[in-house]
Amino acid sequence: MSSSRFCRHALAALAFCVPCSVFPGSAFAATLADSLTPKAGYTGEFAVLLDGGEDRGDAYAGQFHVGADLDLARLAGWNGAAVHLNISSRHGDNLATDEIGNSTSVQEIFGGQGERLANLTLEQKLFDDRLVLEGGRTVANIHFLGSDLCSYFQLNAACGNPTFVFRTSSFTWWPVSSWGAHAKAWITPTVYAHLGAYEVNPHQADNGQHGLTWNTKDSTGVILPFALGYKTTPETARLPSMVEFGGWHDRSDYTDPLADANGDPAQSSGLPYAMHDRRSGVYLRFEQQLTRPSVNDDRGLIVFGNALRQVDGEAIEDYFIDLGFVQKGTFRNRPLDSVAFVITQQHYSDEAIDNLRLTRAANGGSGSPHHSQTMMELSYGIQLTPALRIAPNLIYAIHPDQFAEPDRTQDLPNAFIAGLRVDLSLTPALKAAGRQFTRSATKG
């Protein structure tokens, strides 16, 4: 049996067979089904390079996701407790590295290929849900710096999280899970404090890994994100908003972008790049709904923005900013469609640019790459059915970065990309099947 097939079988057993063996019989099965909220869906992202970049071509990347939330209060009388399980299966290719030549993907679903246990955690809510504790096998980027608005975009510069945090720290990311925990406390109904700690284990991202190796022998340290925020919801405010200040302290090993252990450029000395183990950054972000027809209507215009900056340590980027909007509801007869736009800028550090300049010179080139990369996306989301949504989009990259191919001898031309995102929700069908199973089990 191949390793990939073994992983698929192991994950399927974990997701479905274990609960059935623990709770045999119709009464137990009905109780389990009533306590279980299944989730499943498929996201596909197609991208084609129309102009610029390195070479003409196209690429497709996709993810099938299945999971469940288990309410332990209903199942076992454990108030405020729940188990969360998520499994990811990713496939496909990356247009950015294959055709454009840069390192910022235009398909945010790419990465962590193959079948993986992405999340298996125990959550406990306390003090009337004002304190939420969660820990287990998980990732930082589903708890910090994430946004529901990312489902409207395909560009990885801004979504699923601002790319800066992954370039300047060892922020762990879906679906490459490791040990982690976070605590979120609501100081008031609208003000919260949020802290987390996550194991950094780069080996988990290797091809062939499946998320079921739970030892820490390849760990390189920990990352500690934090946030303080204000948030209202459609239920508590006519125009919901969110403002959050946060940051991270990274205590894991990383490579200097320029220097060797003696402080000289490694590209010139021929010595290995120096290793460090401390770096940090901060961010400020916001979301604000500006229009809303009524309290019973979710349509309207939402604006958002992020600003992130390095504070300590060595990094390839100094700062990152993005700004955008999502209009939910377009024409009178298309209330579920959307228009979305985002523009991002990544500004690279002097050290990173010096390293690229020296590498270019060593390969016979001259000059320095640009100090920043600007990317933008315009998309239109079409809700074809309650379960199926497609979003054609256009992406433009100004001064594509050179980090994917540092030995290039000249700049990449600006790149123009057309994309198509497809989101298929299978959750309603699973819930319907669960209800039918419950009825059958009860009758039995």
Protein backbone atom coordinates (compact mmCIF):
# COMPACT_ATOMS: atom_id res chain seq x y z
CA MET A 1 0.00 0.00 0.00
CA SER A 2 1.35 3.45 -0.91
CA SER A 3 2.04 5.95 1.89
CA SER A 4 -0.57 8.40 0.54
CA ARG A 5 -3.22 5.67 0.47
CA PHE A 6 -2.28 4.63 4.00
CA CYS A 7 -2.68 8.26 5.17
CA ARG A 8 -6.09 8.51 3.57
CA HIS A 9 -7.23 5.32 5.26
CA ALA A 10 -5.81 6.38 8.63
CA LEU A 11 -7.49 9.78 8.51
CA ALA A 12 -10.79 8.29 7.42
CA ALA A 13 -10.64 5.86 10.32
CA LEU A 14 -9.92 8.69 12.73
CA ALA A 15 -12.81 10.77 11.42
CA PHE A 16 -15.52 8.16 11.17
CA CYS A 17 -14.73 4.68 12.48
CA VAL A 18 -13.56 5.54 15.98
CA PRO A 19 -16.75 7.34 17.07
CA CYS A 20 -18.91 4.51 15.78
CA SER A 21 -16.90 1.89 17.70
CA VAL A 22 -17.02 3.91 20.93
CA PHE A 23 -20.79 4.44 20.78
CA PRO A 24 -22.35 1.24 19.38
CA GLY A 25 -26.07 0.60 19.20
CA SER A 26 -28.94 2.70 17.94
CA ALA A 27 -29.44 4.79 21.10
CA PHE A 28 -25.79 5.71 21.36
CA ALA A 29 -25.58 6.32 17.62
CA ALA A 30 -28.56 8.68 17.79
CA THR A 31 -27.00 10.57 20.71
CA LEU A 32 -23.72 10.86 18.86
CA ALA A 33 -25.41 12.07 15.69
CA ASP A 34 -27.31 14.71 17.68
CA SER A 35 -24.03 15.91 19.24
CA LEU A 36 -22.07 16.00 15.99
CA THR A 37 -22.02 18.91 13.54
CA PRO A 38 -20.35 17.73 10.31
CA LYS A 39 -18.52 20.04 7.89
CA ALA A 40 -17.27 19.41 4.39
CA GLY A 41 -16.46 21.37 1.27
CA TYR A 42 -14.26 21.76 -1.76
CA THR A 43 -12.36 24.84 -2.94
CA GLY A 44 -10.68 25.00 -6.33
CA GLU A 45 -8.58 27.85 -7.71
CA PHE A 46 -7.56 28.13 -11.36
CA ALA A 47 -5.09 30.77 -12.55
CA VAL A 48 -3.64 31.59 -15.97
CA LEU A 49 -0.80 34.02 -16.71
CA LEU A 50 -1.99 36.34 -19.48
CA ASP A 51 0.98 38.71 -19.69
CA GLY A 52 4.37 39.35 -18.06
CA GLY A 53 6.04 37.09 -15.54
CA GLU A 54 8.45 34.41 -16.64
CA ASP A 55 6.49 32.14 -18.95
CA ARG A 56 2.94 31.61 -20.21
CA GLY A 57 0.96 28.90 -18.54
CA ASP A 58 -1.81 27.99 -16.14
CA ALA A 59 -2.22 26.08 -12.90
CA TYR A 60 -4.97 24.57 -10.78
CA ALA A 61 -4.94 23.95 -7.02
CA GLY A 62 -7.69 22.52 -4.87
CA GLN A 63 -8.62 21.40 -1.37
CA PHE A 64 -11.20 18.94 -0.11
CA HIS A 65 -11.97 19.51 3.55
CA VAL A 66 -13.98 17.39 5.97
CA GLY A 67 -14.46 17.88 9.68
CA ALA A 68 -16.82 17.86 12.62
CA ASP A 69 -17.56 19.65 15.88
CA LEU A 70 -18.53 17.36 18.75
CA ASP A 71 -20.62 18.96 21.52
CA LEU A 72 -19.55 17.24 24.74
CA ALA A 73 -22.34 18.89 26.72
CA ARG A 74 -24.95 17.04 24.67
CA LEU A 75 -22.93 13.86 24.46
CA ALA A 76 -21.59 13.54 27.99
CA GLY A 77 -22.90 16.44 30.08
CA TRP A 78 -19.54 18.27 29.98
CA ASN A 79 -20.77 21.86 29.90
CA GLY A 80 -18.93 24.27 27.60
CA ALA A 81 -16.68 21.60 26.10
CA ALA A 82 -16.30 20.58 22.46
CA VAL A 83 -13.93 18.64 20.23
CA HIS A 84 -12.99 20.05 16.81
CA LEU A 85 -11.68 17.82 14.02
CA ASN A 86 -10.57 18.94 10.55
CA ILE A 87 -8.92 16.95 7.77
CA SER A 88 -7.51 18.48 4.59
CA SER A 89 -6.64 16.96 1.22
CA ARG A 90 -4.79 19.37 -1.09
CA HIS A 91 -3.61 18.87 -4.66
CA GLY A 92 -2.53 20.83 -7.73
CA ASP A 93 0.15 23.28 -8.85
CA ASN A 94 1.34 26.81 -8.03
CA LEU A 95 1.27 29.36 -10.86
CA ALA A 96 3.51 31.79 -8.95
CA THR A 97 6.58 29.57 -8.77
CA ASP A 98 5.90 27.63 -11.98
CA GLU A 99 5.08 30.45 -14.41
CA ILE A 100 5.23 33.93 -12.86
CA GLY A 101 8.57 33.34 -11.13
CA ASN A 102 7.78 35.07 -7.84
CA SER A 103 7.14 33.69 -4.35
CA THR A 104 3.71 35.19 -3.55
CA SER A 105 1.01 32.78 -4.64
CA VAL A 106 -2.07 33.83 -6.59
CA GLN A 107 -3.80 30.65 -5.35
CA GLU A 108 -4.17 30.91 -1.59
CA ILE A 109 -5.33 27.29 -1.37
CA PHE A 110 -1.90 25.94 -2.42
CA GLY A 111 0.47 24.57 0.25
CA GLY A 112 0.59 21.60 2.59
CA GLN A 113 -0.17 19.20 -0.25
CA GLY A 114 -1.61 15.74 0.36
CA GLU A 115 -3.85 14.41 3.10
CA ARG A 116 -3.32 15.89 6.58
CA LEU A 117 -4.85 16.11 9.99
CA ALA A 118 -5.17 19.90 10.11
CA ASN A 119 -6.85 20.34 13.47
CA LEU A 120 -7.81 18.17 16.44
CA THR A 121 -8.49 20.23 19.56
CA LEU A 122 -10.42 20.30 22.79
CA GLU A 123 -12.23 23.57 23.51
CA GLN A 124 -13.55 24.68 26.90
CA LYS A 125 -15.76 27.74 27.46
CA LEU A 126 -16.00 29.20 30.96
CA PHE A 127 -17.73 32.07 32.81
CA ASP A 128 -20.77 32.22 30.50
CA ASP A 129 -18.51 31.87 27.43
CA ARG A 130 -16.43 34.94 28.34
CA LEU A 131 -13.25 32.81 28.46
CA VAL A 132 -12.46 30.33 25.68
CA LEU A 133 -9.57 27.86 26.03
CA GLU A 134 -8.52 25.56 23.19
CA GLY A 135 -5.54 23.28 22.63
CA GLY A 136 -4.28 20.25 20.74
CA ARG A 137 -3.01 19.72 17.22
CA THR A 138 -3.70 23.02 15.50
CA VAL A 139 -2.29 26.06 13.66
CA ALA A 140 -1.87 29.72 14.57
CA ASN A 141 -3.38 31.28 11.47
CA ILE A 142 -6.95 30.05 12.06
CA HIS A 143 -6.97 31.79 15.45
CA PHE A 144 -4.95 34.95 14.75
CA LEU A 145 -4.92 37.42 11.82
CA GLY A 146 -7.71 35.60 10.00
CA SER A 147 -10.92 37.00 8.50
CA ASP A 148 -14.12 35.64 6.98
CA LEU A 149 -13.63 38.18 4.18
CA CYS A 150 -10.77 36.07 2.82
CA SER A 151 -13.31 33.72 1.25
CA TYR A 152 -13.98 36.45 -1.33
CA PHE A 153 -10.37 36.47 -2.64
CA GLN A 154 -7.87 34.17 -4.34
CA LEU A 155 -4.67 36.22 -3.91
CA ASN A 156 -2.40 34.85 -1.17
CA ALA A 157 -0.77 38.23 -0.46
CA ALA A 158 -3.75 39.19 1.72
CA CYS A 159 -5.62 35.91 2.29
CA GLY A 160 -5.98 33.60 4.12
CA ASN A 161 -3.71 35.90 6.23
CA PRO A 162 -1.40 38.81 5.36
CA THR A 163 1.64 37.10 3.84
CA PHE A 164 4.02 39.29 5.86
CA VAL A 165 3.51 37.22 9.02
CA PHE A 166 4.76 34.07 7.29
CA ARG A 167 7.78 35.80 5.72
CA THR A 168 8.96 37.42 8.95
CA SER A 169 8.12 34.70 11.50
CA SER A 170 7.45 30.98 11.86
CA PHE A 171 3.67 31.53 12.19
CA THR A 172 2.11 28.09 11.77
CA TRP A 173 -0.43 27.71 8.97
CA TRP A 174 -3.30 25.54 7.80
CA PRO A 175 -3.19 22.62 7.17
CA VAL A 176 0.27 21.92 8.68
CA SER A 177 -0.62 21.24 12.31
CA SER A 178 1.59 21.02 15.38
CA TRP A 179 1.01 21.39 19.13
CA GLY A 180 -0.65 24.64 20.08
CA ALA A 181 -3.08 26.39 22.40
CA HIS A 182 -4.80 29.76 22.72
CA ALA A 183 -6.98 31.62 25.21
CA LYS A 184 -9.47 34.36 24.37
CA ALA A 185 -11.05 36.44 27.14
CA TRP A 186 -13.95 38.84 26.57
CA ILE A 187 -13.23 41.70 28.99
CA THR A 188 -16.53 43.30 27.99
CA PRO A 189 -19.13 42.12 25.44
CA THR A 190 -17.12 43.92 22.73
CA VAL A 191 -13.50 44.04 24.01
CA TYR A 192 -11.25 40.97 24.10
CA ALA A 193 -7.70 39.87 24.84
CA HIS A 194 -6.19 36.94 22.98
CA LEU A 195 -2.99 34.94 23.66
CA GLY A 196 -1.52 31.86 22.01
CA ALA A 197 1.49 29.54 21.95
CA TYR A 198 2.35 27.21 19.05
CA GLU A 199 5.11 24.70 18.43
CA VAL A 200 7.23 25.46 15.35
CA ASN A 201 8.04 22.23 13.52
CA PRO A 202 9.00 22.84 9.85
CA HIS A 203 9.34 19.08 9.25
CA GLN A 204 5.55 18.80 9.43
CA ALA A 205 5.29 20.74 6.15
CA ASP A 206 7.41 18.24 4.21
CA ASN A 207 5.83 16.27 1.38
CA GLY A 208 4.48 12.99 2.64
CA GLN A 209 3.70 14.25 6.13
CA HIS A 210 0.15 13.56 7.32
CA GLY A 211 -0.20 15.27 10.70
CA LEU A 212 -0.25 12.04 12.71
CA THR A 213 3.37 12.26 13.94
CA TRP A 214 2.91 13.98 17.29
CA ASN A 215 6.41 13.93 18.78
CA THR A 216 8.43 17.15 19.04
CA LYS A 217 11.88 15.91 18.08
CA ASP A 218 12.02 18.20 15.01
CA SER A 219 10.70 21.27 16.82
CA THR A 220 12.77 24.45 16.40
CA GLY A 221 11.01 26.57 19.04
CA VAL A 222 7.69 28.29 19.67
CA ILE A 223 5.81 31.35 18.42
CA LEU A 224 3.69 33.46 20.77
CA PRO A 225 0.98 35.61 19.12
CA PHE A 226 -1.13 38.13 21.04
CA ALA A 227 -3.97 40.57 20.35
CA LEU A 228 -6.26 43.12 21.97
CA GLY A 229 -9.37 43.96 20.04
CA TYR A 230 -12.85 45.47 19.77
CA LYS A 231 -15.57 43.68 17.81
CA THR A 232 -19.30 43.96 17.19
CA THR A 233 -21.49 41.60 15.16
CA PRO A 234 -24.58 41.93 12.95
CA GLU A 235 -26.61 40.88 16.01
CA THR A 236 -25.19 43.61 18.28
CA ALA A 237 -24.69 46.55 15.88
CA ARG A 238 -26.38 47.93 12.77
CA LEU A 239 -22.92 48.44 11.18
CA PRO A 240 -20.55 45.80 12.63
CA SER A 241 -16.88 46.66 13.07
CA MET A 242 -13.60 45.21 14.28
CA VAL A 243 -10.35 46.91 15.32
CA GLU A 244 -7.43 44.85 16.57
CA PHE A 245 -3.88 45.55 17.67
CA GLY A 246 -1.56 42.60 18.05
CA GLY A 247 1.77 41.03 17.33
CA TRP A 248 3.97 38.01 17.83
CA HIS A 249 7.20 36.95 19.49
CA ASP A 250 9.00 34.20 17.60
CA ARG A 251 11.40 32.02 19.62
CA SER A 252 12.21 29.55 16.83
CA ASP A 253 15.33 29.16 14.68
CA TYR A 254 15.58 31.06 11.40
CA THR A 255 18.15 32.04 8.76
CA ASP A 256 19.64 35.52 8.38
CA PRO A 257 18.61 37.09 5.05
CA LEU A 258 22.13 38.38 4.29
CA ALA A 259 24.96 37.73 6.73
CA ASP A 260 27.08 34.79 7.86
CA ALA A 261 28.11 34.22 11.48
CA ASN A 262 30.89 36.83 11.11
CA GLY A 263 28.47 39.51 9.94
CA ASP A 264 29.73 39.45 6.34
CA PRO A 265 27.46 38.80 3.33
CA ALA A 266 27.21 35.03 3.03
CA GLN A 267 26.87 35.30 -0.74
CA SER A 268 30.36 36.85 -0.89
CA SER A 269 32.11 34.89 1.88
CA GLY A 270 30.80 31.50 0.84
CA LEU A 271 30.03 30.65 4.47
CA PRO A 272 26.59 29.48 5.65
CA TYR A 273 24.02 32.10 6.52
CA ALA A 274 23.88 32.89 10.24
CA MET A 275 21.17 31.35 12.40
CA HIS A 276 19.08 33.32 14.91
CA ASP A 277 16.28 32.43 17.33
CA ARG A 278 14.41 35.64 18.22
CA ARG A 279 12.27 38.03 16.15
CA SER A 280 9.01 39.87 16.59
CA GLY A 281 6.44 42.03 14.83
CA VAL A 282 3.26 44.03 15.39
CA TYR A 283 0.09 44.72 13.43
CA LEU A 284 -3.03 46.86 13.33
CA ARG A 285 -6.11 45.83 11.39
CA PHE A 286 -9.73 46.84 10.99
CA GLU A 287 -13.03 45.90 9.33
CA GLN A 288 -15.98 48.28 9.09
CA GLN A 289 -19.37 47.78 7.48
CA LEU A 290 -20.48 51.09 5.94
CA THR A 291 -23.92 50.23 4.55
CA ARG A 292 -26.68 47.78 5.47
CA PRO A 293 -30.25 47.87 4.19
CA SER A 294 -31.79 46.61 7.44
CA VAL A 295 -31.03 44.68 10.61
CA ASN A 296 -32.43 41.56 8.94
CA ASP A 297 -30.20 41.89 5.88
CA ASP A 298 -26.53 40.90 5.62
CA ARG A 299 -25.89 42.88 2.42
CA GLY A 300 -23.75 46.00 2.36
CA LEU A 301 -20.30 47.48 1.83
CA ILE A 302 -17.43 46.44 4.13
CA VAL A 303 -14.00 48.07 4.05
CA PHE A 304 -10.91 46.52 5.65
CA GLY A 305 -7.20 47.05 6.05
CA ASN A 306 -4.04 45.59 7.62
CA ALA A 307 -0.67 47.11 8.51
CA LEU A 308 2.17 44.89 9.77
CA ARG A 309 5.73 45.81 10.70
CA GLN A 310 8.87 44.06 11.90
CA VAL A 311 10.02 45.14 15.37
CA ASP A 312 12.99 42.95 16.23
CA GLY A 313 15.29 40.43 14.55
CA GLU A 314 16.28 39.98 10.92
CA ALA A 315 13.68 39.63 8.16
CA ILE A 316 13.26 39.87 4.41
CA GLU A 317 10.39 42.38 4.77
CA ASP A 318 10.18 45.68 6.68
CA TYR A 319 6.44 46.23 6.45
CA PHE A 320 3.22 45.20 4.72
CA ILE A 321 -0.02 47.08 4.08
CA ASP A 322 -3.29 46.20 2.39
CA LEU A 323 -6.63 47.90 1.87
CA GLY A 324 -9.80 46.64 0.27
CA PHE A 325 -13.57 46.29 0.23
CA VAL A 326 -16.27 43.65 -0.13
CA GLN A 327 -19.73 44.58 -1.39
CA LYS A 328 -22.21 41.88 -0.41
CA GLY A 329 -25.18 42.03 -2.76
CA THR A 330 -24.78 43.65 -6.17
CA PHE A 331 -27.85 43.98 -8.36
CA ARG A 332 -31.47 43.88 -7.19
CA ASN A 333 -31.94 40.37 -8.52
CA ARG A 334 -28.47 39.18 -7.34
CA PRO A 335 -28.60 39.70 -3.53
CA LEU A 336 -26.08 36.93 -2.81
CA ASP A 337 -23.44 38.00 -5.35
CA SER A 338 -20.45 40.11 -4.34
CA VAL A 339 -17.78 42.47 -5.65
CA ALA A 340 -14.41 42.50 -3.89
CA PHE A 341 -11.14 44.38 -4.34
CA VAL A 342 -7.83 44.39 -2.45
CA ILE A 343 -4.46 46.05 -3.01
CA THR A 344 -1.34 45.00 -1.10
CA GLN A 345 2.25 46.19 -0.81
CA GLN A 346 5.18 44.21 0.53
CA HIS A 347 8.29 46.30 1.27
CA TYR A 348 11.55 44.35 1.45
CA SER A 349 14.42 44.99 3.83
CA ASP A 350 17.76 46.42 2.74
CA GLU A 351 19.42 43.17 3.82
CA ALA A 352 17.15 41.04 1.63
CA ILE A 353 17.66 43.30 -1.40
CA ASP A 354 21.45 43.36 -0.86
CA ASN A 355 21.48 39.56 -0.81
CA LEU A 356 19.52 39.41 -4.08
CA ARG A 357 21.84 42.02 -5.65
CA LEU A 358 24.95 40.01 -4.71
CA THR A 359 23.36 36.78 -5.96
CA ARG A 360 22.42 38.44 -9.23
CA ALA A 361 25.97 39.77 -9.68
CA ALA A 362 27.45 36.34 -8.97
CA ASN A 363 25.34 34.97 -11.85
CA GLY A 364 26.42 37.64 -14.32
CA GLY A 365 23.64 40.17 -13.80
CA SER A 366 23.72 43.74 -12.55
CA GLY A 367 21.56 46.17 -10.57
CA SER A 368 19.16 45.49 -7.70
CA PRO A 369 15.59 44.15 -7.67
CA HIS A 370 12.82 46.53 -6.67
CA HIS A 371 12.34 47.22 -2.97
CA SER A 372 8.62 46.39 -2.99
CA GLN A 373 5.95 44.32 -4.71
CA THR A 374 2.41 45.63 -5.19
CA MET A 375 -0.40 43.17 -5.95
CA MET A 376 -4.12 43.72 -6.46
CA GLU A 377 -7.21 41.62 -7.13
CA LEU A 378 -10.71 42.41 -8.40
CA SER A 379 -13.27 39.62 -8.17
CA TYR A 380 -16.98 39.10 -8.74
CA GLY A 381 -18.63 36.31 -6.75
CA ILE A 382 -21.63 34.54 -8.27
CA GLN A 383 -23.85 32.43 -6.00
CA LEU A 384 -25.07 29.83 -8.49
CA THR A 385 -26.87 27.66 -5.91
CA PRO A 386 -27.05 27.73 -2.09
CA ALA A 387 -24.07 25.33 -2.09
CA LEU A 388 -22.05 26.46 -5.13
CA ARG A 389 -20.25 29.77 -5.60
CA ILE A 390 -17.81 30.83 -8.31
CA ALA A 391 -15.65 33.98 -8.37
CA PRO A 392 -13.90 35.04 -11.59
CA ASN A 393 -11.05 37.41 -10.76
CA LEU A 394 -8.24 39.50 -12.22
CA ILE A 395 -4.87 39.86 -10.45
CA TYR A 396 -2.05 42.25 -11.29
CA ALA A 397 1.46 42.10 -9.79
CA ILE A 398 3.78 45.13 -10.06
CA HIS A 399 7.50 44.31 -9.67
CA PRO A 400 7.10 40.58 -8.90
CA ASP A 401 9.56 39.55 -6.21
CA GLN A 402 12.68 37.50 -6.96
CA PHE A 403 12.78 35.29 -3.86
CA ALA A 404 11.54 32.18 -5.67
CA GLU A 405 14.49 32.43 -8.10
CA PRO A 406 17.24 34.50 -6.43
CA ASP A 407 19.77 33.65 -9.15
CA ARG A 408 17.82 35.51 -11.84
CA THR A 409 19.95 38.10 -13.65
CA GLN A 410 17.14 40.57 -14.43
CA ASP A 411 13.81 41.78 -13.08
CA LEU A 412 10.59 39.99 -13.84
CA PRO A 413 8.08 42.03 -15.87
CA ASN A 414 4.74 42.95 -14.27
CA ALA A 415 2.31 40.03 -14.34
CA PHE A 416 -1.38 39.99 -15.32
CA ILE A 417 -3.35 36.93 -14.19
CA ALA A 418 -6.93 35.74 -14.67
CA GLY A 419 -8.35 33.40 -12.06
CA LEU A 420 -11.45 31.50 -11.06
CA ARG A 421 -12.29 30.42 -7.52
CA VAL A 422 -14.91 27.72 -6.94
CA ASP A 423 -16.40 26.99 -3.50
CA LEU A 424 -18.70 24.01 -3.01
CA SER A 425 -20.25 23.48 0.43
CA LEU A 426 -21.13 19.87 1.23
CA THR A 427 -22.14 20.63 4.82
CA PRO A 428 -25.93 20.88 4.16
CA ALA A 429 -25.93 17.45 2.52
CA LEU A 430 -24.00 15.96 5.44
CA LYS A 431 -26.41 17.51 7.96
CA ALA A 432 -29.39 16.12 6.03
CA ALA A 433 -27.77 12.68 6.02
CA GLY A 434 -27.17 12.99 9.75
CA ARG A 435 -30.82 13.83 10.41
CA GLN A 436 -31.89 10.82 8.35
CA PHE A 437 -29.43 8.63 10.25
CA THR A 438 -30.80 9.88 13.57
CA ARG A 439 -34.37 9.11 12.55
CA SER A 440 -33.38 5.62 11.38
CA ALA A 441 -31.36 4.93 14.53
CA THR A 442 -34.25 6.07 16.77
CA LYS A 443 -36.75 3.87 14.95
CA GLY A 444 -34.33 0.97 15.20
